Amino acid sequence: MRLIFKQDSYRLAVLAFGRFLRSGRLCGIPEFAALVEKLYRNKKYILATLKHGLSTGKLEAMNNIIKSIIRRSFGFRNVDNLIAMIYLRTSANLERLGEFFFHFVG
């Protein structure tokens, strides 16, 4: 799957994705066939990602950082301290995400 996203053009990526789906259906491994079925159901979303090159990877990384802070923050007396710790820990990442992040956060 990673090789599909590393193709030089959208056309080559679509062809590689089609070959991947076809080989997955013919392989005879039930688990792999189930994965290919899920990919086939979400084919239009995967193709849109290939076409536009958008990813939520940075946002997901930010969410994981915030979740880890929340897990470790049982000692905070109020929510303001928790929010301050989140800002302290993620301020460099927030600058990299820019307006995209603040559009969703508020």
PDB file of N, CA and C in Angstrom:
ATOM      1  N   MET A   1       0.831  -1.200   0.000  1.00  0.00           N
ATOM      2  CA  MET A   1       0.000   0.000   0.000  1.00  0.00           C
ATOM      3  C   MET A   1       0.869   1.254   0.000  1.00  0.00           C
ATOM      4  N   ARG A   2       1.958   1.246   0.730  1.00  0.00           N
ATOM      5  CA  ARG A   2       2.809   2.442   0.778  1.00  0.00           C
ATOM      6  C   ARG A   2       3.359   2.802  -0.586  1.00  0.00           C
ATOM      7  N   LEU A   3       3.671   1.800  -1.381  1.00  0.00           N
ATOM      8  CA  LEU A   3       4.198   2.064  -2.715  1.00  0.00           C
ATOM      9  C   LEU A   3       3.177   2.761  -3.600  1.00  0.00           C
ATOM     10  N   ILE A   4       1.907   2.511  -3.359  1.00  0.00           N
ATOM     11  CA  ILE A   4       0.861   3.174  -4.129  1.00  0.00           C
ATOM     12  C   ILE A   4       0.924   4.675  -3.892  1.00  0.00           C
ATOM     13  N   PHE A   5       1.118   5.091  -2.660  1.00  0.00           N
ATOM     14  CA  PHE A   5       1.151   6.509  -2.329  1.00  0.00           C
ATOM     15  C   PHE A   5       2.469   7.169  -2.708  1.00  0.00           C
ATOM     16  N   LYS A   6       3.469   6.380  -3.078  1.00  0.00           N
ATOM     17  CA  LYS A   6       4.759   6.943  -3.478  1.00  0.00           C
ATOM     18  C   LYS A   6       4.925   7.037  -4.996  1.00  0.00           C
ATOM     19  N   GLN A   7       3.876   6.732  -5.739  1.00  0.00           N
ATOM     20  CA  GLN A   7       3.954   6.803  -7.201  1.00  0.00           C
ATOM     21  C   GLN A   7       4.140   8.251  -7.650  1.00  0.00           C
ATOM     22  N   ASP A   8       4.747   8.422  -8.832  1.00  0.00           N
ATOM     23  CA  ASP A   8       5.066   9.757  -9.340  1.00  0.00           C
ATOM     24  C   ASP A   8       3.855  10.527  -9.845  1.00  0.00           C
ATOM     25  N   SER A   9       2.828   9.826 -10.265  1.00  0.00           N
ATOM     26  CA  SER A   9       1.654  10.515 -10.794  1.00  0.00           C
ATOM     27  C   SER A   9       0.383   9.834 -10.289  1.00  0.00           C
ATOM     28  N   TYR A  10      -0.701  10.559 -10.424  1.00  0.00           N
ATOM     29  CA  TYR A  10      -2.009  10.042 -10.011  1.00  0.00           C
ATOM     30  C   TYR A  10      -2.371   8.818 -10.855  1.00  0.00           C
ATOM     31  N   ARG A  11      -2.103   8.891 -12.136  1.00  0.00           N
ATOM     32  CA  ARG A  11      -2.428   7.779 -13.045  1.00  0.00           C
ATOM     33  C   ARG A  11      -1.703   6.496 -12.641  1.00  0.00           C
ATOM     34  N   LEU A  12      -0.408   6.605 -12.357  1.00  0.00           N
ATOM     35  CA  LEU A  12       0.353   5.429 -11.943  1.00  0.00           C
ATOM     36  C   LEU A  12      -0.137   4.896 -10.598  1.00  0.00           C
ATOM     37  N   ALA A  13      -0.521   5.804  -9.703  1.00  0.00           N
ATOM     38  CA  ALA A  13      -1.024   5.388  -8.392  1.00  0.00           C
ATOM     39  C   ALA A  13      -2.345   4.639  -8.531  1.00  0.00           C
ATOM     40  N   VAL A  14      -3.218   5.113  -9.407  1.00  0.00           N
ATOM     41  CA  VAL A  14      -4.505   4.440  -9.633  1.00  0.00           C
ATOM     42  C   VAL A  14      -4.274   3.052 -10.226  1.00  0.00           C
ATOM     43  N   LEU A  15      -3.352   2.953 -11.165  1.00  0.00           N
ATOM     44  CA  LEU A  15      -3.037   1.651 -11.745  1.00  0.00           C
ATOM     45  C   LEU A  15      -2.465   0.696 -10.701  1.00  0.00           C
ATOM     46  N   ALA A  16      -1.577   1.197  -9.862  1.00  0.00           N
ATOM     47  CA  ALA A  16      -0.987   0.361  -8.806  1.00  0.00           C
ATOM     48  C   ALA A  16      -2.046  -0.071  -7.797  1.00  0.00           C
ATOM     49  N   PHE A  17      -2.970   0.822  -7.478  1.00  0.00           N
ATOM     50  CA  PHE A  17      -4.053   0.489  -6.544  1.00  0.00           C
ATOM     51  C   PHE A  17      -4.951  -0.595  -7.131  1.00  0.00           C
ATOM     52  N   GLY A  18      -5.256  -0.479  -8.418  1.00  0.00           N
ATOM     53  CA  GLY A  18      -6.068  -1.497  -9.083  1.00  0.00           C
ATOM     54  C   GLY A  18      -5.379  -2.855  -9.087  1.00  0.00           C
ATOM     55  N   ARG A  19      -4.078  -2.866  -9.359  1.00  0.00           N
ATOM     56  CA  ARG A  19      -3.330  -4.130  -9.331  1.00  0.00           C
ATOM     57  C   ARG A  19      -3.332  -4.729  -7.929  1.00  0.00           C
ATOM     58  N   PHE A  20      -3.194  -3.862  -6.912  1.00  0.00           N
ATOM     59  CA  PHE A  20      -3.197  -4.321  -5.527  1.00  0.00           C
ATOM     60  C   PHE A  20      -4.536  -4.968  -5.182  1.00  0.00           C
ATOM     61  N   LEU A  21      -5.639  -4.315  -5.555  1.00  0.00           N
ATOM     62  CA  LEU A  21      -6.966  -4.873  -5.280  1.00  0.00           C
ATOM     63  C   LEU A  21      -7.177  -6.197  -6.012  1.00  0.00           C
ATOM     64  N   ARG A  22      -6.764  -6.242  -7.255  1.00  0.00           N
ATOM     65  CA  ARG A  22      -6.934  -7.456  -8.052  1.00  0.00           C
ATOM     66  C   ARG A  22      -6.123  -8.620  -7.472  1.00  0.00           C
ATOM     67  N   SER A  23      -4.873  -8.356  -7.122  1.00  0.00           N
ATOM     68  CA  SER A  23      -4.039  -9.430  -6.572  1.00  0.00           C
ATOM     69  C   SER A  23      -4.546  -9.874  -5.199  1.00  0.00           C
ATOM     70  N   GLY A  24      -5.117  -8.940  -4.437  1.00  0.00           N
ATOM     71  CA  GLY A  24      -5.657  -9.294  -3.130  1.00  0.00           C
ATOM     72  C   GLY A  24      -6.864 -10.205  -3.217  1.00  0.00           C
ATOM     73  N   ARG A  25      -7.686  -9.979  -4.230  1.00  0.00           N
ATOM     74  CA  ARG A  25      -8.861 -10.837  -4.410  1.00  0.00           C
ATOM     75  C   ARG A  25      -8.476 -12.242  -4.868  1.00  0.00           C
ATOM     76  N   LEU A  26      -7.381 -12.352  -5.590  1.00  0.00           N
ATOM     77  CA  LEU A  26      -6.976 -13.638  -6.153  1.00  0.00           C
ATOM     78  C   LEU A  26      -6.015 -14.425  -5.267  1.00  0.00           C
ATOM     79  N   CYS A  27      -5.539 -13.838  -4.169  1.00  0.00           N
ATOM     80  CA  CYS A  27      -4.468 -14.467  -3.385  1.00  0.00           C
ATOM     81  C   CYS A  27      -4.928 -15.701  -2.613  1.00  0.00           C
ATOM     82  N   GLY A  28      -6.184 -15.755  -2.201  1.00  0.00           N
ATOM     83  CA  GLY A  28      -6.678 -16.916  -1.477  1.00  0.00           C
ATOM     84  C   GLY A  28      -6.496 -16.838   0.033  1.00  0.00           C
ATOM     85  N   ILE A  29      -5.940 -15.767   0.545  1.00  0.00           N
ATOM     86  CA  ILE A  29      -5.773 -15.585   1.992  1.00  0.00           C
ATOM     87  C   ILE A  29      -7.004 -14.840   2.506  1.00  0.00           C
ATOM     88  N   PRO A  30      -7.803 -15.452   3.389  1.00  0.00           N
ATOM     89  CA  PRO A  30      -9.059 -14.830   3.822  1.00  0.00           C
ATOM     90  C   PRO A  30      -8.870 -13.460   4.488  1.00  0.00           C
ATOM     91  N   GLU A  31      -7.850 -13.318   5.307  1.00  0.00           N
ATOM     92  CA  GLU A  31      -7.618 -12.047   5.993  1.00  0.00           C
ATOM     93  C   GLU A  31      -7.277 -10.946   4.997  1.00  0.00           C
ATOM     94  N   PHE A  32      -6.455 -11.290   4.025  1.00  0.00           N
ATOM     95  CA  PHE A  32      -6.075 -10.306   3.014  1.00  0.00           C
ATOM     96  C   PHE A  32      -7.270  -9.965   2.132  1.00  0.00           C
ATOM     97  N   ALA A  33      -8.087 -10.943   1.831  1.00  0.00           N
ATOM     98  CA  ALA A  33      -9.299 -10.701   1.046  1.00  0.00           C
ATOM     99  C   ALA A  33     -10.255  -9.775   1.793  1.00  0.00           C
ATOM    100  N   ALA A  34     -10.336  -9.919   3.117  1.00  0.00           N
ATOM    101  CA  ALA A  34     -11.184  -9.025   3.920  1.00  0.00           C
ATOM    102  C   ALA A  34     -10.644  -7.598   3.884  1.00  0.00           C
ATOM    103  N   LEU A  35      -9.326  -7.452   3.944  1.00  0.00           N
ATOM    104  CA  LEU A  35      -8.721  -6.127   3.853  1.00  0.00           C
ATOM    105  C   LEU A  35      -9.019  -5.499   2.494  1.00  0.00           C
ATOM    106  N   VAL A  36      -8.875  -6.279   1.440  1.00  0.00           N
ATOM    107  CA  VAL A  36      -9.130  -5.773   0.090  1.00  0.00           C
ATOM    108  C   VAL A  36     -10.588  -5.367  -0.063  1.00  0.00           C
ATOM    109  N   GLU A  37     -11.489  -6.099   0.552  1.00  0.00           N
ATOM    110  CA  GLU A  37     -12.913  -5.739   0.504  1.00  0.00           C
ATOM    111  C   GLU A  37     -13.159  -4.389   1.172  1.00  0.00           C
ATOM    112  N   LYS A  38     -12.520  -4.154   2.309  1.00  0.00           N
ATOM    113  CA  LYS A  38     -12.645  -2.853   2.987  1.00  0.00           C
ATOM    114  C   LYS A  38     -12.064  -1.740   2.126  1.00  0.00           C
ATOM    115  N   LEU A  39     -10.929  -2.014   1.507  1.00  0.00           N
ATOM    116  CA  LEU A  39     -10.329  -1.009   0.621  1.00  0.00           C
ATOM    117  C   LEU A  39     -11.228  -0.727  -0.574  1.00  0.00           C
ATOM    118  N   TYR A  40     -11.835  -1.764  -1.110  1.00  0.00           N
ATOM    119  CA  TYR A  40     -12.723  -1.582  -2.250  1.00  0.00           C
ATOM    120  C   TYR A  40     -13.955  -0.752  -1.876  1.00  0.00           C
ATOM    121  N   ARG A  41     -14.488  -0.970  -0.673  1.00  0.00           N
ATOM    122  CA  ARG A  41     -15.639  -0.176  -0.212  1.00  0.00           C
ATOM    123  C   ARG A  41     -15.274   1.297  -0.070  1.00  0.00           C
ATOM    124  N   ASN A  42     -14.021   1.589   0.279  1.00  0.00           N
ATOM    125  CA  ASN A  42     -13.569   2.967   0.481  1.00  0.00           C
ATOM    126  C   ASN A  42     -12.736   3.479  -0.696  1.00  0.00           C
ATOM    127  N   LYS A  43     -12.898   2.863  -1.835  1.00  0.00           N
ATOM    128  CA  LYS A  43     -12.074   3.172  -2.999  1.00  0.00           C
ATOM    129  C   LYS A  43     -12.159   4.651  -3.388  1.00  0.00           C
ATOM    130  N   LYS A  44     -13.346   5.229  -3.378  1.00  0.00           N
ATOM    131  CA  LYS A  44     -13.471   6.625  -3.811  1.00  0.00           C
ATOM    132  C   LYS A  44     -12.712   7.574  -2.874  1.00  0.00           C
ATOM    133  N   TYR A  45     -12.671   7.261  -1.589  1.00  0.00           N
ATOM    134  CA  TYR A  45     -11.940   8.109  -0.649  1.00  0.00           C
ATOM    135  C   TYR A  45     -10.426   7.946  -0.815  1.00  0.00           C
ATOM    136  N   ILE A  46     -10.003   6.731  -1.082  1.00  0.00           N
ATOM    137  CA  ILE A  46      -8.577   6.474  -1.295  1.00  0.00           C
ATOM    138  C   ILE A  46      -8.117   7.155  -2.573  1.00  0.00           C
ATOM    139  N   LEU A  47      -8.925   7.082  -3.623  1.00  0.00           N
ATOM    140  CA  LEU A  47      -8.576   7.747  -4.875  1.00  0.00           C
ATOM    141  C   LEU A  47      -8.546   9.267  -4.707  1.00  0.00           C
ATOM    142  N   ALA A  48      -9.465   9.812  -3.909  1.00  0.00           N
ATOM    143  CA  ALA A  48      -9.447  11.259  -3.650  1.00  0.00           C
ATOM    144  C   ALA A  48      -8.172  11.655  -2.903  1.00  0.00           C
ATOM    145  N   THR A  49      -7.737  10.821  -1.962  1.00  0.00           N
ATOM    146  CA  THR A  49      -6.493  11.089  -1.252  1.00  0.00           C
ATOM    147  C   THR A  49      -5.310  11.041  -2.203  1.00  0.00           C
ATOM    148  N   LEU A  50      -5.294  10.072  -3.110  1.00  0.00           N
ATOM    149  CA  LEU A  50      -4.221   9.989  -4.097  1.00  0.00           C
ATOM    150  C   LEU A  50      -4.218  11.209  -5.011  1.00  0.00           C
ATOM    151  N   LYS A  51      -5.393  11.649  -5.393  1.00  0.00           N
ATOM    152  CA  LYS A  51      -5.496  12.766  -6.329  1.00  0.00           C
ATOM    153  C   LYS A  51      -5.069  14.086  -5.698  1.00  0.00           C
ATOM    154  N   HIS A  52      -5.514  14.334  -4.478  1.00  0.00           N
ATOM    155  CA  HIS A  52      -5.276  15.633  -3.854  1.00  0.00           C
ATOM    156  C   HIS A  52      -4.080  15.648  -2.903  1.00  0.00           C
ATOM    157  N   GLY A  53      -3.623  14.486  -2.496  1.00  0.00           N
ATOM    158  CA  GLY A  53      -2.446  14.412  -1.633  1.00  0.00           C
ATOM    159  C   GLY A  53      -2.668  14.903  -0.217  1.00  0.00           C
ATOM    160  N   LEU A  54      -3.905  14.918   0.243  1.00  0.00           N
ATOM    161  CA  LEU A  54      -4.193  15.388   1.599  1.00  0.00           C
ATOM    162  C   LEU A  54      -4.027  14.259   2.604  1.00  0.00           C
ATOM    163  N   SER A  55      -3.614  14.640   3.807  1.00  0.00           N
ATOM    164  CA  SER A  55      -3.430  13.651   4.860  1.00  0.00           C
ATOM    165  C   SER A  55      -3.775  14.287   6.198  1.00  0.00           C
ATOM    166  N   THR A  56      -4.284  13.482   7.098  1.00  0.00           N
ATOM    167  CA  THR A  56      -4.579  13.962   8.450  1.00  0.00           C
ATOM    168  C   THR A  56      -3.503  13.518   9.427  1.00  0.00           C
ATOM    169  N   GLY A  57      -2.361  13.117   8.918  1.00  0.00           N
ATOM    170  CA  GLY A  57      -1.287  12.584   9.760  1.00  0.00           C
ATOM    171  C   GLY A  57      -0.833  13.544  10.844  1.00  0.00           C
ATOM    172  N   LYS A  58      -0.625  14.806  10.491  1.00  0.00           N
ATOM    173  CA  LYS A  58      -0.161  15.782  11.482  1.00  0.00           C
ATOM    174  C   LYS A  58      -1.219  16.023  12.555  1.00  0.00           C
ATOM    175  N   LEU A  59      -2.461  16.078  12.131  1.00  0.00           N
ATOM    176  CA  LEU A  59      -3.546  16.281  13.087  1.00  0.00           C
ATOM    177  C   LEU A  59      -3.689  15.084  14.021  1.00  0.00           C
ATOM    178  N   GLU A  60      -3.549  13.886  13.490  1.00  0.00           N
ATOM    179  CA  GLU A  60      -3.605  12.676  14.326  1.00  0.00           C
ATOM    180  C   GLU A  60      -2.441  12.637  15.311  1.00  0.00           C
ATOM    181  N   ALA A  61      -1.264  13.074  14.886  1.00  0.00           N
ATOM    182  CA  ALA A  61      -0.124  13.130  15.798  1.00  0.00           C
ATOM    183  C   ALA A  61      -0.397  14.103  16.938  1.00  0.00           C
ATOM    184  N   MET A  62      -0.991  15.241  16.607  1.00  0.00           N
ATOM    185  CA  MET A  62      -1.344  16.229  17.635  1.00  0.00           C
ATOM    186  C   MET A  62      -2.363  15.632  18.608  1.00  0.00           C
ATOM    187  N   ASN A  63      -3.348  14.914  18.102  1.00  0.00           N
ATOM    188  CA  ASN A  63      -4.342  14.275  18.975  1.00  0.00           C
ATOM    189  C   ASN A  63      -3.694  13.274  19.918  1.00  0.00           C
ATOM    190  N   ASN A  64      -2.721  12.513  19.439  1.00  0.00           N
ATOM    191  CA  ASN A  64      -2.034  11.548  20.302  1.00  0.00           C
ATOM    192  C   ASN A  64      -1.237  12.238  21.397  1.00  0.00           C
ATOM    193  N   ILE A  65      -0.607  13.358  21.071  1.00  0.00           N
ATOM    194  CA  ILE A  65       0.123  14.127  22.092  1.00  0.00           C
ATOM    195  C   ILE A  65      -0.846  14.603  23.163  1.00  0.00           C
ATOM    196  N   ILE A  66      -1.984  15.137  22.740  1.00  0.00           N
ATOM    197  CA  ILE A  66      -2.974  15.647  23.701  1.00  0.00           C
ATOM    198  C   ILE A  66      -3.534  14.509  24.560  1.00  0.00           C
ATOM    199  N   LYS A  67      -3.802  13.364  23.950  1.00  0.00           N
ATOM    200  CA  LYS A  67      -4.301  12.214  24.723  1.00  0.00           C
ATOM    201  C   LYS A  67      -3.287  11.766  25.771  1.00  0.00           C
ATOM    202  N   SER A  68      -2.008  11.773  25.411  1.00  0.00           N
ATOM    203  CA  SER A  68      -0.994  11.359  26.388  1.00  0.00           C
ATOM    204  C   SER A  68      -0.890  12.358  27.526  1.00  0.00           C
ATOM    205  N   ILE A  69      -1.058  13.639  27.238  1.00  0.00           N
ATOM    206  CA  ILE A  69      -1.052  14.656  28.298  1.00  0.00           C
ATOM    207  C   ILE A  69      -2.244  14.450  29.226  1.00  0.00           C
ATOM    208  N   ILE A  70      -3.396  14.174  28.666  1.00  0.00           N
ATOM    209  CA  ILE A  70      -4.601  13.955  29.474  1.00  0.00           C
ATOM    210  C   ILE A  70      -4.437  12.732  30.373  1.00  0.00           C
ATOM    211  N   ARG A  71      -3.829  11.652  29.845  1.00  0.00           N
ATOM    212  CA  ARG A  71      -3.608  10.453  30.657  1.00  0.00           C
ATOM    213  C   ARG A  71      -2.692  10.739  31.848  1.00  0.00           C
ATOM    214  N   ARG A  72      -1.706  11.612  31.636  1.00  0.00           N
ATOM    215  CA  ARG A  72      -0.739  11.885  32.704  1.00  0.00           C
ATOM    216  C   ARG A  72      -1.159  13.038  33.614  1.00  0.00           C
ATOM    217  N   SER A  73      -2.331  13.634  33.386  1.00  0.00           N
ATOM    218  CA  SER A  73      -2.668  14.873  34.078  1.00  0.00           C
ATOM    219  C   SER A  73      -3.693  14.698  35.194  1.00  0.00           C
ATOM    220  N   PHE A  74      -3.675  13.586  35.881  1.00  0.00           N
ATOM    221  CA  PHE A  74      -4.649  13.381  36.952  1.00  0.00           C
ATOM    222  C   PHE A  74      -4.426  14.323  38.127  1.00  0.00           C
ATOM    223  N   GLY A  75      -3.243  14.920  38.240  1.00  0.00           N
ATOM    224  CA  GLY A  75      -2.957  15.786  39.383  1.00  0.00           C
ATOM    225  C   GLY A  75      -3.381  17.227  39.216  1.00  0.00           C
ATOM    226  N   PHE A  76      -3.839  17.617  38.037  1.00  0.00           N
ATOM    227  CA  PHE A  76      -4.244  19.013  37.837  1.00  0.00           C
ATOM    228  C   PHE A  76      -5.545  19.290  38.582  1.00  0.00           C
ATOM    229  N   ARG A  77      -5.578  20.446  39.215  1.00  0.00           N
ATOM    230  CA  ARG A  77      -6.755  20.795  40.019  1.00  0.00           C
ATOM    231  C   ARG A  77      -7.886  21.363  39.168  1.00  0.00           C
ATOM    232  N   ASN A  78      -7.557  21.943  38.015  1.00  0.00           N
ATOM    233  CA  ASN A  78      -8.620  22.469  37.162  1.00  0.00           C
ATOM    234  C   ASN A  78      -8.245  22.317  35.691  1.00  0.00           C
ATOM    235  N   VAL A  79      -9.211  22.566  34.858  1.00  0.00           N
ATOM    236  CA  VAL A  79      -9.042  22.375  33.423  1.00  0.00           C
ATOM    237  C   VAL A  79      -8.077  23.397  32.834  1.00  0.00           C
ATOM    238  N   ASP A  80      -8.022  24.589  33.401  1.00  0.00           N
ATOM    239  CA  ASP A  80      -7.122  25.621  32.874  1.00  0.00           C
ATOM    240  C   ASP A  80      -5.667  25.178  32.916  1.00  0.00           C
ATOM    241  N   ASN A  81      -5.283  24.477  33.976  1.00  0.00           N
ATOM    242  CA  ASN A  81      -3.906  23.970  34.055  1.00  0.00           C
ATOM    243  C   ASN A  81      -3.649  22.912  32.983  1.00  0.00           C
ATOM    244  N   LEU A  82      -4.639  22.078  32.740  1.00  0.00           N
ATOM    245  CA  LEU A  82      -4.513  21.077  31.687  1.00  0.00           C
ATOM    246  C   LEU A  82      -4.349  21.751  30.324  1.00  0.00           C
ATOM    247  N   ILE A  83      -5.166  22.739  30.039  1.00  0.00           N
ATOM    248  CA  ILE A  83      -5.088  23.455  28.766  1.00  0.00           C
ATOM    249  C   ILE A  83      -3.743  24.157  28.629  1.00  0.00           C
ATOM    250  N   ALA A  84      -3.250  24.736  29.720  1.00  0.00           N
ATOM    251  CA  ALA A  84      -1.940  25.387  29.683  1.00  0.00           C
ATOM    252  C   ALA A  84      -0.840  24.377  29.363  1.00  0.00           C
ATOM    253  N   MET A  85      -0.925  23.178  29.913  1.00  0.00           N
ATOM    254  CA  MET A  85       0.071  22.148  29.626  1.00  0.00           C
ATOM    255  C   MET A  85      -0.004  21.707  28.159  1.00  0.00           C
ATOM    256  N   ILE A  86      -1.208  21.599  27.630  1.00  0.00           N
ATOM    257  CA  ILE A  86      -1.366  21.238  26.219  1.00  0.00           C
ATOM    258  C   ILE A  86      -0.737  22.301  25.330  1.00  0.00           C
ATOM    259  N   TYR A  87      -1.001  23.580  25.625  1.00  0.00           N
ATOM    260  CA  TYR A  87      -0.388  24.650  24.835  1.00  0.00           C
ATOM    261  C   TYR A  87       1.129  24.639  24.958  1.00  0.00           C
ATOM    262  N   LEU A  88       1.627  24.406  26.151  1.00  0.00           N
ATOM    263  CA  LEU A  88       3.069  24.376  26.366  1.00  0.00           C
ATOM    264  C   LEU A  88       3.712  23.246  25.562  1.00  0.00           C
ATOM    265  N   ARG A  89       3.097  22.090  25.593  1.00  0.00           N
ATOM    266  CA  ARG A  89       3.667  20.908  24.944  1.00  0.00           C
ATOM    267  C   ARG A  89       3.536  20.934  23.421  1.00  0.00           C
ATOM    268  N   THR A  90       2.490  21.598  22.916  1.00  0.00           N
ATOM    269  CA  THR A  90       2.206  21.530  21.483  1.00  0.00           C
ATOM    270  C   THR A  90       2.432  22.844  20.742  1.00  0.00           C
ATOM    271  N   SER A  91       2.954  23.862  21.384  1.00  0.00           N
ATOM    272  CA  SER A  91       3.056  25.175  20.738  1.00  0.00           C
ATOM    273  C   SER A  91       3.891  25.128  19.459  1.00  0.00           C
ATOM    274  N   ALA A  92       4.999  24.396  19.430  1.00  0.00           N
ATOM    275  CA  ALA A  92       5.810  24.314  18.207  1.00  0.00           C
ATOM    276  C   ALA A  92       5.036  23.611  17.103  1.00  0.00           C
ATOM    277  N   ASN A  93       4.274  22.600  17.450  1.00  0.00           N
ATOM    278  CA  ASN A  93       3.483  21.878  16.452  1.00  0.00           C
ATOM    279  C   ASN A  93       2.329  22.720  15.936  1.00  0.00           C
ATOM    280  N   LEU A  94       1.753  23.545  16.809  1.00  0.00           N
ATOM    281  CA  LEU A  94       0.646  24.399  16.388  1.00  0.00           C
ATOM    282  C   LEU A  94       1.098  25.395  15.330  1.00  0.00           C
ATOM    283  N   GLU A  95       2.302  25.930  15.486  1.00  0.00           N
ATOM    284  CA  GLU A  95       2.815  26.871  14.493  1.00  0.00           C
ATOM    285  C   GLU A  95       2.967  26.194  13.142  1.00  0.00           C
ATOM    286  N   ARG A  96       3.377  24.929  13.134  1.00  0.00           N
ATOM    287  CA  ARG A  96       3.544  24.205  11.870  1.00  0.00           C
ATOM    288  C   ARG A  96       2.206  23.899  11.217  1.00  0.00           C
ATOM    289  N   LEU A  97       1.192  23.623  12.024  1.00  0.00           N
ATOM    290  CA  LEU A  97      -0.117  23.304  11.448  1.00  0.00           C
ATOM    291  C   LEU A  97      -0.821  24.551  10.924  1.00  0.00           C
ATOM    292  N   GLY A  98      -0.562  25.685  11.561  1.00  0.00           N
ATOM    293  CA  GLY A  98      -1.101  26.947  11.087  1.00  0.00           C
ATOM    294  C   GLY A  98      -2.606  27.039  11.217  1.00  0.00           C
ATOM    295  N   GLU A  99      -3.200  27.748  10.270  1.00  0.00           N
ATOM    296  CA  GLU A  99      -4.626  28.033  10.309  1.00  0.00           C
ATOM    297  C   GLU A  99      -5.477  26.776  10.164  1.00  0.00           C
ATOM    298  N   PHE A 100      -4.952  25.723   9.547  1.00  0.00           N
ATOM    299  CA  PHE A 100      -5.710  24.488   9.379  1.00  0.00           C
ATOM    300  C   PHE A 100      -6.153  23.946  10.740  1.00  0.00           C
ATOM    301  N   PHE A 101      -5.242  23.943  11.713  1.00  0.00           N
ATOM    302  CA  PHE A 101      -5.558  23.427  13.037  1.00  0.00           C
ATOM    303  C   PHE A 101      -6.578  24.311  13.736  1.00  0.00           C
ATOM    304  N   PHE A 102      -6.360  25.620  13.703  1.00  0.00           N
ATOM    305  CA  PHE A 102      -7.236  26.531  14.439  1.00  0.00           C
ATOM    306  C   PHE A 102      -8.642  26.592  13.843  1.00  0.00           C
ATOM    307  N   HIS A 103      -8.775  26.239  12.590  1.00  0.00           N
ATOM    308  CA  HIS A 103     -10.094  26.184  11.992  1.00  0.00           C
ATOM    309  C   HIS A 103     -10.958  25.128  12.684  1.00  0.00           C
ATOM    310  N   PHE A 104     -10.364  23.984  13.076  1.00  0.00           N
ATOM    311  CA  PHE A 104     -11.102  22.902  13.710  1.00  0.00           C
ATOM    312  C   PHE A 104     -11.194  23.060  15.210  1.00  0.00           C
ATOM    313  N   VAL A 105     -10.204  23.697  15.828  1.00  0.00           N
ATOM    314  CA  VAL A 105     -10.171  23.797  17.279  1.00  0.00           C
ATOM    315  C   VAL A 105     -11.068  24.927  17.756  1.00  0.00           C
ATOM    316  N   GLY A 106     -11.131  25.981  17.006  1.00  0.00           N
ATOM    317  CA  GLY A 106     -12.060  26.993  17.401  1.00  0.00           C
ATOM    318  C   GLY A 106     -11.476  28.333  17.539  1.00  0.00           C
TER     319      GLY A 106
END
